[in-house]
Amino acid sequence: MRIRHAVLERVLLARSKILDHLSMSAETREIENAIRTYVATASPEATVPHDDDRLVEHGFVASMQLLDFVGFLEDTFAIRLRAGDLVPEKLATIAQIATVVRGATSRARRSSS
């Protein structure tokens, strides 16, 4: 009986992790799509960036637009980015920015609970 209980606990834990991952993946896709849309409309480039394109280096976002971009992120996702979030390595690509936004969203949820 204890073995069945232990197996059931493992199955439920694995299921929970899978559901969390799927939920995070959907949230990440939503964040990435919002960022991609903003960049595509604000960019002088005719092409839409891929998730791993370096936005400033490839001309999708001018360095002078970064403050506006940070404002967009904070307003759109109802977050406040920390100074540690605003480093070039973390704001280089859509994928990296989505990670920063996800982290800030998670912090905001925890602080409001």
N, C-alpha and C. Protein backbone atom coordinates (compact mmCIF):
# COMPACT_ATOMS: atom_id res chain seq x y z
N MET A 1 0.82 -1.19 0.00
CA MET A 1 0.00 0.00 0.00
C MET A 1 0.87 1.26 0.00
N ARG A 2 1.95 1.26 0.79
CA ARG A 2 2.83 2.44 0.82
C ARG A 2 3.51 2.65 -0.52
N ILE A 3 3.82 1.58 -1.20
CA ILE A 3 4.47 1.71 -2.51
C ILE A 3 3.52 2.39 -3.49
N ARG A 4 2.25 1.98 -3.51
CA ARG A 4 1.28 2.62 -4.39
C ARG A 4 1.14 4.10 -4.07
N HIS A 5 1.11 4.41 -2.79
CA HIS A 5 1.00 5.79 -2.36
C HIS A 5 2.20 6.60 -2.84
N ALA A 6 3.40 6.04 -2.70
CA ALA A 6 4.62 6.73 -3.13
C ALA A 6 4.62 6.93 -4.65
N VAL A 7 4.18 5.91 -5.37
CA VAL A 7 4.12 6.01 -6.83
C VAL A 7 3.09 7.07 -7.23
N LEU A 8 1.95 7.06 -6.58
CA LEU A 8 0.92 8.05 -6.88
C LEU A 8 1.43 9.47 -6.60
N GLU A 9 2.14 9.66 -5.51
CA GLU A 9 2.72 10.97 -5.20
C GLU A 9 3.69 11.41 -6.29
N ARG A 10 4.52 10.49 -6.77
CA ARG A 10 5.47 10.82 -7.85
C ARG A 10 4.75 11.20 -9.13
N VAL A 11 3.71 10.45 -9.46
CA VAL A 11 2.94 10.73 -10.67
C VAL A 11 2.28 12.11 -10.57
N LEU A 12 1.69 12.40 -9.42
CA LEU A 12 1.05 13.71 -9.23
C LEU A 12 2.06 14.84 -9.27
N LEU A 13 3.23 14.63 -8.69
CA LEU A 13 4.28 15.65 -8.74
C LEU A 13 4.75 15.87 -10.17
N ALA A 14 4.95 14.79 -10.92
CA ALA A 14 5.37 14.91 -12.32
C ALA A 14 4.30 15.63 -13.13
N ARG A 15 3.05 15.30 -12.91
CA ARG A 15 1.94 15.96 -13.61
C ARG A 15 1.92 17.45 -13.30
N SER A 16 2.11 17.79 -12.05
CA SER A 16 2.13 19.19 -11.64
C SER A 16 3.26 19.95 -12.33
N LYS A 17 4.43 19.33 -12.40
CA LYS A 17 5.58 19.97 -13.06
C LYS A 17 5.31 20.17 -14.55
N ILE A 18 4.69 19.18 -15.18
CA ILE A 18 4.37 19.29 -16.60
C ILE A 18 3.37 20.42 -16.83
N LEU A 19 2.35 20.49 -16.00
CA LEU A 19 1.35 21.56 -16.14
C LEU A 19 1.97 22.93 -15.90
N ASP A 20 2.86 23.03 -14.91
CA ASP A 20 3.56 24.29 -14.67
C ASP A 20 4.39 24.69 -15.88
N HIS A 21 5.08 23.71 -16.46
CA HIS A 21 5.91 23.99 -17.64
C HIS A 21 5.06 24.45 -18.82
N LEU A 22 3.92 23.78 -19.04
CA LEU A 22 3.04 24.17 -20.14
C LEU A 22 2.48 25.57 -19.91
N SER A 23 2.11 25.86 -18.69
CA SER A 23 1.59 27.18 -18.36
C SER A 23 2.67 28.23 -18.58
N MET A 24 3.90 27.94 -18.13
CA MET A 24 5.00 28.87 -18.30
C MET A 24 5.31 29.06 -19.78
N SER A 25 5.22 27.98 -20.56
CA SER A 25 5.49 28.07 -21.99
C SER A 25 4.46 28.97 -22.67
N ALA A 26 3.20 28.82 -22.30
CA ALA A 26 2.16 29.66 -22.89
C ALA A 26 2.36 31.12 -22.49
N GLU A 27 2.70 31.34 -21.22
CA GLU A 27 2.95 32.70 -20.75
C GLU A 27 4.16 33.30 -21.48
N THR A 28 5.20 32.50 -21.64
CA THR A 28 6.39 32.97 -22.35
C THR A 28 6.06 33.34 -23.78
N ARG A 29 5.27 32.52 -24.46
CA ARG A 29 4.88 32.82 -25.85
C ARG A 29 4.09 34.13 -25.92
N GLU A 30 3.19 34.35 -24.96
CA GLU A 30 2.42 35.59 -24.94
C GLU A 30 3.34 36.80 -24.75
N ILE A 31 4.28 36.67 -23.82
CA ILE A 31 5.23 37.75 -23.57
C ILE A 31 6.07 38.02 -24.82
N GLU A 32 6.60 36.95 -25.41
CA GLU A 32 7.44 37.10 -26.61
C GLU A 32 6.65 37.74 -27.75
N ASN A 33 5.39 37.34 -27.91
CA ASN A 33 4.57 37.91 -28.99
C ASN A 33 4.32 39.40 -28.77
N ALA A 34 4.06 39.79 -27.52
CA ALA A 34 3.85 41.21 -27.23
C ALA A 34 5.11 42.01 -27.50
N ILE A 35 6.26 41.47 -27.10
CA ILE A 35 7.54 42.15 -27.34
C ILE A 35 7.81 42.24 -28.83
N ARG A 36 7.60 41.15 -29.54
CA ARG A 36 7.85 41.11 -30.98
C ARG A 36 6.97 42.14 -31.71
N THR A 37 5.72 42.24 -31.30
CA THR A 37 4.80 43.21 -31.91
C THR A 37 5.27 44.63 -31.66
N TYR A 38 5.67 44.92 -30.42
CA TYR A 38 6.17 46.26 -30.10
C TYR A 38 7.39 46.59 -30.95
N VAL A 39 8.34 45.66 -30.98
CA VAL A 39 9.58 45.90 -31.72
C VAL A 39 9.29 46.07 -33.21
N ALA A 40 8.41 45.25 -33.74
CA ALA A 40 8.09 45.34 -35.18
C ALA A 40 7.45 46.67 -35.53
N THR A 41 6.62 47.21 -34.64
CA THR A 41 5.97 48.49 -34.94
C THR A 41 6.89 49.69 -34.68
N ALA A 42 7.83 49.53 -33.75
CA ALA A 42 8.73 50.64 -33.41
C ALA A 42 10.03 50.62 -34.21
N SER A 43 10.26 49.55 -34.93
CA SER A 43 11.53 49.34 -35.62
C SER A 43 11.54 49.94 -37.02
N PRO A 44 12.67 50.52 -37.38
CA PRO A 44 12.81 50.97 -38.77
C PRO A 44 13.08 49.80 -39.72
N GLU A 45 13.41 48.65 -39.17
CA GLU A 45 13.68 47.46 -39.99
C GLU A 45 12.38 46.94 -40.59
N ALA A 46 12.44 46.40 -41.78
CA ALA A 46 11.25 45.87 -42.45
C ALA A 46 10.93 44.45 -42.00
N THR A 47 11.87 43.79 -41.37
CA THR A 47 11.66 42.41 -40.96
C THR A 47 11.32 42.32 -39.47
N VAL A 48 10.69 41.23 -39.11
CA VAL A 48 10.36 40.97 -37.71
C VAL A 48 11.49 40.16 -37.09
N PRO A 49 11.95 40.55 -35.90
CA PRO A 49 13.07 39.82 -35.30
C PRO A 49 12.67 38.43 -34.81
N HIS A 50 13.63 37.53 -34.84
CA HIS A 50 13.47 36.21 -34.25
C HIS A 50 13.78 36.33 -32.76
N ASP A 51 13.42 35.30 -32.01
CA ASP A 51 13.59 35.34 -30.55
C ASP A 51 15.03 35.54 -30.11
N ASP A 52 15.98 35.09 -30.90
CA ASP A 52 17.39 35.18 -30.50
C ASP A 52 18.17 36.25 -31.25
N ASP A 53 17.49 37.07 -32.05
CA ASP A 53 18.17 38.20 -32.71
C ASP A 53 18.52 39.25 -31.67
N ARG A 54 19.72 39.78 -31.74
CA ARG A 54 20.13 40.84 -30.83
C ARG A 54 19.52 42.15 -31.33
N LEU A 55 18.58 42.67 -30.56
CA LEU A 55 17.72 43.76 -31.02
C LEU A 55 18.46 45.05 -31.33
N VAL A 56 19.33 45.49 -30.45
CA VAL A 56 20.06 46.74 -30.68
C VAL A 56 21.11 46.55 -31.76
N GLU A 57 21.86 45.46 -31.68
CA GLU A 57 22.95 45.21 -32.64
C GLU A 57 22.43 45.08 -34.07
N HIS A 58 21.24 44.51 -34.24
CA HIS A 58 20.69 44.33 -35.59
C HIS A 58 19.78 45.47 -36.02
N GLY A 59 19.70 46.52 -35.21
CA GLY A 59 18.95 47.71 -35.60
C GLY A 59 17.45 47.64 -35.39
N PHE A 60 16.96 46.63 -34.67
CA PHE A 60 15.52 46.54 -34.41
C PHE A 60 15.07 47.58 -33.39
N VAL A 61 15.94 47.85 -32.42
CA VAL A 61 15.66 48.87 -31.39
C VAL A 61 16.89 49.77 -31.31
N ALA A 62 16.68 51.06 -31.49
CA ALA A 62 17.79 52.01 -31.34
C ALA A 62 18.09 52.14 -29.85
N SER A 63 19.34 52.33 -29.52
CA SER A 63 19.71 52.43 -28.11
C SER A 63 18.95 53.56 -27.42
N MET A 64 18.61 54.60 -28.14
CA MET A 64 17.86 55.71 -27.56
C MET A 64 16.41 55.32 -27.27
N GLN A 65 15.92 54.25 -27.87
CA GLN A 65 14.55 53.80 -27.64
C GLN A 65 14.43 52.89 -26.43
N LEU A 66 15.54 52.51 -25.84
CA LEU A 66 15.49 51.53 -24.76
C LEU A 66 14.65 52.01 -23.57
N LEU A 67 14.72 53.29 -23.23
CA LEU A 67 13.89 53.78 -22.12
C LEU A 67 12.41 53.65 -22.44
N ASP A 68 12.03 53.99 -23.66
CA ASP A 68 10.64 53.80 -24.06
C ASP A 68 10.26 52.32 -24.01
N PHE A 69 11.17 51.49 -24.44
CA PHE A 69 10.94 50.05 -24.45
C PHE A 69 10.73 49.52 -23.04
N VAL A 70 11.57 49.96 -22.11
CA VAL A 70 11.42 49.55 -20.70
C VAL A 70 10.07 50.03 -20.16
N GLY A 71 9.68 51.24 -20.50
CA GLY A 71 8.37 51.75 -20.11
C GLY A 71 7.24 50.89 -20.66
N PHE A 72 7.37 50.49 -21.92
CA PHE A 72 6.39 49.60 -22.53
C PHE A 72 6.28 48.30 -21.74
N LEU A 73 7.43 47.70 -21.41
CA LEU A 73 7.42 46.44 -20.67
C LEU A 73 6.74 46.60 -19.31
N GLU A 74 7.09 47.66 -18.60
CA GLU A 74 6.52 47.87 -17.27
C GLU A 74 5.02 48.14 -17.34
N ASP A 75 4.59 48.94 -18.29
CA ASP A 75 3.17 49.25 -18.43
C ASP A 75 2.36 48.06 -18.92
N THR A 76 2.86 47.38 -19.92
CA THR A 76 2.14 46.26 -20.52
C THR A 76 1.97 45.10 -19.56
N PHE A 77 3.01 44.79 -18.82
CA PHE A 77 2.99 43.60 -17.96
C PHE A 77 2.77 43.94 -16.48
N ALA A 78 2.51 45.23 -16.19
CA ALA A 78 2.26 45.68 -14.81
C ALA A 78 3.37 45.22 -13.86
N ILE A 79 4.60 45.53 -14.26
CA ILE A 79 5.78 45.13 -13.47
C ILE A 79 6.66 46.34 -13.23
N ARG A 80 7.61 46.19 -12.35
CA ARG A 80 8.68 47.17 -12.15
C ARG A 80 9.98 46.40 -12.31
N LEU A 81 10.77 46.82 -13.28
CA LEU A 81 12.06 46.17 -13.49
C LEU A 81 13.08 46.74 -12.52
N ARG A 82 13.94 45.88 -12.02
CA ARG A 82 15.00 46.29 -11.10
C ARG A 82 16.22 46.73 -11.90
N ALA A 83 17.11 47.44 -11.21
CA ALA A 83 18.34 47.88 -11.87
C ALA A 83 19.10 46.68 -12.44
N GLY A 84 19.10 45.57 -11.74
CA GLY A 84 19.78 44.36 -12.22
C GLY A 84 19.17 43.76 -13.47
N ASP A 85 17.91 44.11 -13.73
CA ASP A 85 17.24 43.63 -14.94
C ASP A 85 17.62 44.46 -16.17
N LEU A 86 18.10 45.67 -15.91
CA LEU A 86 18.32 46.63 -17.00
C LEU A 86 19.76 46.64 -17.50
N VAL A 87 20.34 45.48 -17.62
CA VAL A 87 21.69 45.36 -18.15
C VAL A 87 21.61 44.83 -19.58
N PRO A 88 22.54 45.23 -20.43
CA PRO A 88 22.46 44.84 -21.84
C PRO A 88 22.32 43.33 -22.08
N GLU A 89 22.98 42.52 -21.27
CA GLU A 89 22.92 41.07 -21.48
C GLU A 89 21.50 40.53 -21.29
N LYS A 90 20.73 41.17 -20.43
CA LYS A 90 19.38 40.68 -20.16
C LYS A 90 18.33 41.27 -21.10
N LEU A 91 18.69 42.32 -21.82
CA LEU A 91 17.74 42.97 -22.73
C LEU A 91 18.17 42.86 -24.19
N ALA A 92 19.00 41.89 -24.48
CA ALA A 92 19.56 41.78 -25.83
C ALA A 92 18.62 41.15 -26.84
N THR A 93 17.88 40.14 -26.42
CA THR A 93 17.03 39.40 -27.37
C THR A 93 15.61 39.29 -26.81
N ILE A 94 14.67 38.95 -27.66
CA ILE A 94 13.29 38.76 -27.21
C ILE A 94 13.23 37.65 -26.17
N ALA A 95 13.93 36.57 -26.39
CA ALA A 95 13.92 35.45 -25.44
C ALA A 95 14.46 35.88 -24.08
N GLN A 96 15.55 36.64 -24.06
CA GLN A 96 16.11 37.10 -22.79
C GLN A 96 15.18 38.09 -22.10
N ILE A 97 14.57 38.97 -22.86
CA ILE A 97 13.65 39.95 -22.29
C ILE A 97 12.43 39.23 -21.70
N ALA A 98 11.93 38.22 -22.39
CA ALA A 98 10.79 37.45 -21.88
C ALA A 98 11.14 36.80 -20.54
N THR A 99 12.36 36.32 -20.40
CA THR A 99 12.81 35.74 -19.13
C THR A 99 12.80 36.79 -18.02
N VAL A 100 13.28 37.98 -18.33
CA VAL A 100 13.29 39.08 -17.35
C VAL A 100 11.85 39.43 -16.96
N VAL A 101 10.98 39.54 -17.94
CA VAL A 101 9.57 39.89 -17.68
C VAL A 101 8.90 38.81 -16.85
N ARG A 102 9.15 37.55 -17.19
CA ARG A 102 8.58 36.45 -16.42
C ARG A 102 9.02 36.51 -14.96
N GLY A 103 10.30 36.80 -14.74
CA GLY A 103 10.82 36.92 -13.38
C GLY A 103 10.17 38.07 -12.63
N ALA A 104 10.03 39.21 -13.29
CA ALA A 104 9.42 40.38 -12.65
C ALA A 104 7.94 40.13 -12.39
N THR A 105 7.27 39.44 -13.29
CA THR A 105 5.87 39.10 -13.09
C THR A 105 5.71 38.18 -11.89
N SER A 106 6.61 37.23 -11.79
CA SER A 106 6.58 36.30 -10.66
C SER A 106 6.80 37.04 -9.35
N ARG A 107 7.76 37.97 -9.32
CA ARG A 107 8.00 38.78 -8.11
C ARG A 107 6.77 39.59 -7.75
N ALA A 108 6.12 40.17 -8.76
CA ALA A 108 4.94 41.00 -8.51
C ALA A 108 3.80 40.16 -7.94
N ARG A 109 3.65 38.96 -8.44
CA ARG A 109 2.59 38.06 -7.92
C ARG A 109 2.86 37.70 -6.47
N ARG A 110 4.13 37.38 -6.17
CA ARG A 110 4.47 37.00 -4.79
C ARG A 110 4.28 38.16 -3.83
N SER A 111 4.62 39.37 -4.25
CA SER A 111 4.50 40.51 -3.35
C SER A 111 3.05 40.93 -3.14
N SER A 112 2.17 40.61 -4.09
CA SER A 112 0.76 40.98 -3.94
C SER A 112 -0.03 39.93 -3.16
N SER A 113 0.59 38.77 -2.93
CA SER A 113 -0.12 37.70 -2.20
C SER A 113 -0.05 37.90 -0.72
